[in-house]
Amino acid sequence: MDPQKSVKHLSKFLSYVLGRRPDEFGLVLDSNGFVKIKTLLKVASEEDGWKYIRRSHIGELLIVLPNPPVELKENFIRAKSRDNLPQPIRVDTPPTSLFTCVRRKAYPRMIEKGIFSSGDSDVILSSNQQMAIRMGKRIDQAPVLLTIQTRKAAKKGVCFYRTGDLIYIANSIPPNCFTGPAIPRRKEVPEKQDMKKEEKVERLPGSFILSFDGEKDQKKKIARKKRQKEIAWKKDRKRLKHAKDKMWPA
């Protein structure tokens, strides 16, 4: 493809994702329409024909086009035209079940304390299970899929907002308002046993037990004494020779 056409093609793609339907790609923008460039690149990598996009391509677009459709601010990007973006709408009767994914490491803690997002961002949910998994894989290669029971959550004061057709957001989800897989139990580690500890054997009166360990120890003692005698004999021999050399020097 001609470089100029490639840039224009990318321009249309970014205009649609960031300026019209970010919800189709499981993307939620902040209140100013910004999203992390890193997140946008992950979204592009999920789409056929756009896996090649890097930050350098966006930089090239800003240089080549006289009026680029996007603008950057540090590590964030947004569309210049945002009039057609879907706005969050509060829904009093959301779908009975919504879906979200969380990191495996965070899951045990969330069972006790509920689902919450870091910083000022909201918990992102979806009415489509596959979309929830798609979003979850951006934060964990094997995320944990959770089913949100919206009626229980609403009774505990949770407000749900819909943005687009598939995406919902909430401030947090309390414990006992969602279901997920059981946490695998940790394998019990057997107590360390002293391998050198002698096996207890009941002894009968007037009997004795052959101890092979004792026999080995006895052999070691005999060998050690033998070596000590050999060393002493060699020392005596050297001492005697030294004395003779003094008495009868050559």
Protein backbone atom coordinates (compact mmCIF):
# COMPACT_ATOMS: atom_id res chain seq x y z
CA MET A 1 0.00 0.00 0.00
CA ASP A 2 1.17 3.54 -0.82
CA PRO A 3 2.53 5.25 2.37
CA GLN A 4 0.17 8.19 1.90
CA LYS A 5 -2.84 5.87 1.56
CA SER A 6 -1.67 3.86 4.55
CA VAL A 7 -1.58 6.99 6.71
CA LYS A 8 -5.08 8.02 5.58
CA HIS A 9 -6.35 4.51 6.22
CA LEU A 10 -4.95 4.63 9.77
CA SER A 11 -6.47 8.09 10.22
CA LYS A 12 -9.96 6.75 9.47
CA PHE A 13 -9.45 3.81 11.84
CA LEU A 14 -8.38 6.04 14.74
CA SER A 15 -11.20 8.49 14.06
CA TYR A 16 -13.74 5.68 14.33
CA VAL A 17 -12.24 4.02 17.42
CA LEU A 18 -11.58 7.21 19.39
CA GLY A 19 -14.25 9.54 18.00
CA ARG A 20 -17.29 7.39 17.31
CA ARG A 21 -17.51 3.84 18.73
CA PRO A 22 -14.82 2.96 21.28
CA ASP A 23 -17.35 0.60 22.94
CA GLU A 24 -17.21 -1.73 19.90
CA PHE A 25 -13.57 -2.39 20.82
CA GLY A 26 -14.07 -2.66 24.58
CA LEU A 27 -12.49 0.75 25.06
CA VAL A 28 -13.57 3.25 27.73
CA LEU A 29 -12.32 6.84 27.46
CA ASP A 30 -11.86 9.19 30.40
CA SER A 31 -14.02 12.28 30.90
CA ASN A 32 -11.83 14.28 28.49
CA GLY A 33 -11.87 11.62 25.77
CA PHE A 34 -8.33 10.41 26.42
CA VAL A 35 -7.07 6.83 26.59
CA LYS A 36 -3.58 5.48 27.12
CA ILE A 37 -1.66 4.99 23.88
CA LYS A 38 -0.51 1.61 25.21
CA THR A 39 -4.15 0.53 25.60
CA LEU A 40 -5.02 1.73 22.12
CA LEU A 41 -2.14 -0.28 20.64
CA LYS A 42 -3.40 -3.39 22.43
CA VAL A 43 -6.84 -2.81 20.91
CA ALA A 44 -5.31 -2.43 17.45
CA SER A 45 -3.32 -5.66 17.88
CA GLU A 46 -6.62 -7.53 18.36
CA GLU A 47 -7.95 -6.38 14.99
CA ASP A 48 -7.07 -8.05 11.71
CA GLY A 49 -5.16 -5.67 9.48
CA TRP A 50 -4.06 -3.41 12.34
CA LYS A 51 -1.68 -5.65 14.29
CA TYR A 52 1.31 -3.81 12.84
CA ILE A 53 0.48 -0.42 14.41
CA ARG A 54 3.13 1.05 16.70
CA ARG A 55 3.47 4.44 18.33
CA SER A 56 5.82 5.46 15.50
CA HIS A 57 2.95 5.07 13.00
CA ILE A 58 0.82 7.48 15.02
CA GLY A 59 3.73 9.91 15.14
CA GLU A 60 4.10 9.63 11.36
CA LEU A 61 0.39 10.37 10.93
CA LEU A 62 0.73 13.58 12.97
CA ILE A 63 3.60 14.74 10.76
CA VAL A 64 2.27 13.73 7.32
CA LEU A 65 -1.34 14.90 7.58
CA PRO A 66 -1.92 18.66 7.64
CA ASN A 67 -4.96 18.23 9.92
CA PRO A 68 -4.60 14.93 11.84
CA PRO A 69 -7.77 13.62 13.51
CA VAL A 70 -6.06 12.81 16.81
CA GLU A 71 -3.93 14.62 19.35
CA LEU A 72 -1.45 13.42 21.94
CA LYS A 73 -0.78 14.50 25.49
CA GLU A 74 2.19 12.71 27.05
CA ASN A 75 1.22 9.01 26.96
CA PHE A 76 -2.44 9.62 26.12
CA ILE A 77 -4.34 10.06 22.86
CA ARG A 78 -7.81 11.31 21.91
CA ALA A 79 -9.84 12.25 18.86
CA LYS A 80 -10.16 15.93 18.07
CA SER A 81 -13.78 15.47 17.04
CA ARG A 82 -15.76 13.84 19.84
CA ASP A 83 -19.30 15.00 19.14
CA ASN A 84 -20.45 11.53 18.09
CA LEU A 85 -19.09 9.68 21.11
CA PRO A 86 -21.68 7.68 23.11
CA GLN A 87 -22.27 9.32 26.47
CA PRO A 88 -22.67 7.34 29.71
CA ILE A 89 -26.35 6.90 30.56
CA ARG A 90 -27.56 5.72 33.95
CA VAL A 91 -29.67 2.58 33.70
CA ASP A 92 -31.97 1.57 36.53
CA THR A 93 -32.64 -1.87 35.06
CA PRO A 94 -29.38 -3.21 33.60
CA PRO A 95 -29.16 -6.79 32.30
CA THR A 96 -29.55 -9.36 35.06
CA SER A 97 -25.98 -10.52 34.50
CA LEU A 98 -22.94 -8.54 33.42
CA PHE A 99 -19.40 -9.79 32.99
CA THR A 100 -15.94 -8.57 33.87
CA CYS A 101 -12.46 -10.04 34.21
CA VAL A 102 -9.90 -9.52 36.96
CA ARG A 103 -6.28 -10.50 37.48
CA ARG A 104 -5.67 -13.93 38.95
CA LYS A 105 -3.56 -12.53 41.78
CA ALA A 106 -6.24 -9.99 42.74
CA TYR A 107 -9.15 -12.43 42.66
CA PRO A 108 -8.83 -13.89 46.22
CA ARG A 109 -8.71 -10.38 47.70
CA MET A 110 -11.72 -9.25 45.67
CA ILE A 111 -13.82 -12.14 46.96
CA GLU A 112 -13.44 -10.65 50.42
CA LYS A 113 -13.46 -6.92 49.64
CA GLY A 114 -15.34 -6.67 46.35
CA ILE A 115 -14.38 -5.58 42.85
CA PHE A 116 -12.80 -2.18 42.52
CA SER A 117 -10.55 -0.47 40.03
CA SER A 118 -7.29 1.30 40.78
CA GLY A 119 -7.10 5.09 40.81
CA ASP A 120 -10.11 7.11 39.74
CA SER A 121 -11.27 4.74 37.01
CA ASP A 122 -14.46 2.71 37.22
CA VAL A 123 -15.07 -1.01 37.01
CA ILE A 124 -15.66 -1.84 33.36
CA LEU A 125 -18.35 -4.43 32.63
CA SER A 126 -19.91 -5.89 29.52
CA SER A 127 -23.17 -7.54 28.61
CA ASN A 128 -21.18 -9.77 26.26
CA GLN A 129 -19.04 -12.49 27.81
CA GLN A 130 -16.56 -12.63 24.93
CA MET A 131 -16.05 -8.87 25.06
CA ALA A 132 -15.33 -9.10 28.80
CA ILE A 133 -12.71 -11.79 28.14
CA ARG A 134 -11.19 -9.71 25.36
CA MET A 135 -10.81 -6.74 27.71
CA GLY A 136 -9.53 -8.98 30.49
CA LYS A 137 -6.69 -10.35 28.37
CA ARG A 138 -5.28 -6.83 28.16
CA ILE A 139 -4.43 -6.99 31.86
CA ASP A 140 -3.75 -10.73 32.31
CA GLN A 141 -2.98 -13.54 29.88
CA ALA A 142 -5.44 -15.81 31.69
CA PRO A 143 -7.87 -13.51 33.54
CA VAL A 144 -10.62 -14.69 35.87
CA LEU A 145 -14.10 -14.20 34.41
CA LEU A 146 -16.74 -13.03 36.90
CA THR A 147 -20.51 -12.81 36.54
CA ILE A 148 -22.04 -9.74 38.17
CA GLN A 149 -25.46 -10.15 39.75
CA THR A 150 -26.78 -6.67 39.06
CA ARG A 151 -29.95 -6.90 41.17
CA LYS A 152 -28.00 -7.75 44.30
CA ALA A 153 -25.51 -5.01 43.57
CA ALA A 154 -28.28 -2.43 42.94
CA LYS A 155 -29.86 -3.26 46.31
CA LYS A 156 -26.52 -2.38 47.92
CA GLY A 157 -26.48 1.02 46.24
CA VAL A 158 -24.44 0.33 43.10
CA CYS A 159 -25.32 2.54 40.11
CA PHE A 160 -24.77 1.24 36.60
CA TYR A 161 -24.06 3.38 33.55
CA ARG A 162 -24.18 2.20 29.95
CA THR A 163 -21.83 3.60 27.33
CA GLY A 164 -22.53 2.31 23.83
CA ASP A 165 -24.17 -1.03 23.21
CA LEU A 166 -21.95 -3.46 25.11
CA ILE A 167 -20.11 -1.55 27.83
CA TYR A 168 -21.31 -0.74 31.35
CA ILE A 169 -19.43 0.95 34.16
CA ALA A 170 -19.85 1.04 37.94
CA ASN A 171 -17.85 2.57 40.78
CA SER A 172 -17.39 -0.81 42.47
CA ILE A 173 -19.08 -4.17 43.03
CA PRO A 174 -19.56 -5.30 46.67
CA PRO A 175 -18.71 -8.83 47.85
CA ASN A 176 -21.39 -11.50 47.40
CA CYS A 177 -22.71 -9.69 44.32
CA PHE A 178 -20.76 -11.74 41.81
CA THR A 179 -19.80 -15.32 41.12
CA GLY A 180 -16.62 -16.85 39.78
CA PRO A 181 -14.54 -20.02 39.86
CA ALA A 182 -13.53 -21.55 43.16
CA ILE A 183 -10.11 -20.65 44.43
CA PRO A 184 -7.84 -23.72 44.28
CA ARG A 185 -6.73 -24.90 47.68
CA ARG A 186 -3.09 -24.77 48.49
CA LYS A 187 -1.42 -28.16 48.61
CA GLU A 188 -0.64 -29.21 52.15
CA VAL A 189 3.08 -29.55 52.62
CA PRO A 190 3.90 -32.68 54.67
CA GLU A 191 5.93 -32.13 57.77
CA LYS A 192 9.61 -32.69 57.30
CA GLN A 193 10.66 -35.98 58.72
CA ASP A 194 14.08 -36.63 60.07
CA MET A 195 15.40 -39.31 57.78
CA LYS A 196 18.12 -40.15 60.24
CA LYS A 197 15.66 -40.86 63.01
CA GLU A 198 15.68 -44.51 63.87
CA GLU A 199 12.49 -46.39 63.33
CA LYS A 200 10.85 -47.26 66.60
CA VAL A 201 10.63 -51.01 67.06
CA GLU A 202 9.02 -52.73 69.98
CA ARG A 203 11.61 -54.89 71.73
CA LEU A 204 10.68 -58.06 73.50
CA PRO A 205 12.35 -59.03 76.80
CA GLY A 206 15.54 -61.04 76.24
CA SER A 207 15.79 -60.09 72.55
CA PHE A 208 18.16 -57.87 70.66
CA ILE A 209 18.03 -56.14 67.28
CA LEU A 210 20.80 -56.10 64.74
CA SER A 211 21.73 -52.54 63.97
CA PHE A 212 23.38 -52.21 60.59
CA ASP A 213 24.03 -48.56 61.27
CA GLY A 214 25.95 -49.54 64.42
CA GLU A 215 27.96 -52.08 62.43
CA LYS A 216 28.91 -49.39 59.93
CA ASP A 217 29.93 -47.04 62.70
CA GLN A 218 32.10 -49.79 64.22
CA LYS A 219 33.86 -50.39 60.90
CA LYS A 220 34.51 -46.67 60.56
CA LYS A 221 36.06 -46.57 64.06
CA ILE A 222 38.34 -49.55 63.26
CA ALA A 223 39.45 -47.95 59.98
CA ARG A 224 40.09 -44.63 61.75
CA LYS A 225 42.23 -46.30 64.46
CA LYS A 226 44.16 -48.15 61.77
CA ARG A 227 44.93 -44.89 59.97
CA GLN A 228 45.99 -43.28 63.24
CA LYS A 229 48.41 -46.20 63.95
CA GLU A 230 49.89 -45.93 60.45
CA ILE A 231 50.41 -42.18 60.88
CA ALA A 232 52.04 -42.69 64.32
CA TRP A 233 54.34 -45.43 62.92
CA LYS A 234 55.46 -43.16 60.06
CA LYS A 235 56.15 -40.33 62.48
CA ASP A 236 58.23 -42.64 64.74
CA ARG A 237 60.20 -43.86 61.73
CA LYS A 238 61.01 -40.31 60.65
CA ARG A 239 61.97 -39.35 64.20
CA LEU A 240 64.33 -42.37 64.50
CA LYS A 241 65.98 -41.60 61.18
CA HIS A 242 66.49 -37.99 62.18
CA ALA A 243 68.14 -39.09 65.45
CA LYS A 244 70.55 -41.46 63.62
CA ASP A 245 71.58 -38.70 61.23
CA LYS A 246 72.57 -36.56 64.19
CA MET A 247 74.58 -39.33 65.85
CA TRP A 248 76.38 -40.51 62.70
CA PRO A 249 76.52 -37.63 60.30
CA ALA A 250 77.61 -38.43 56.75
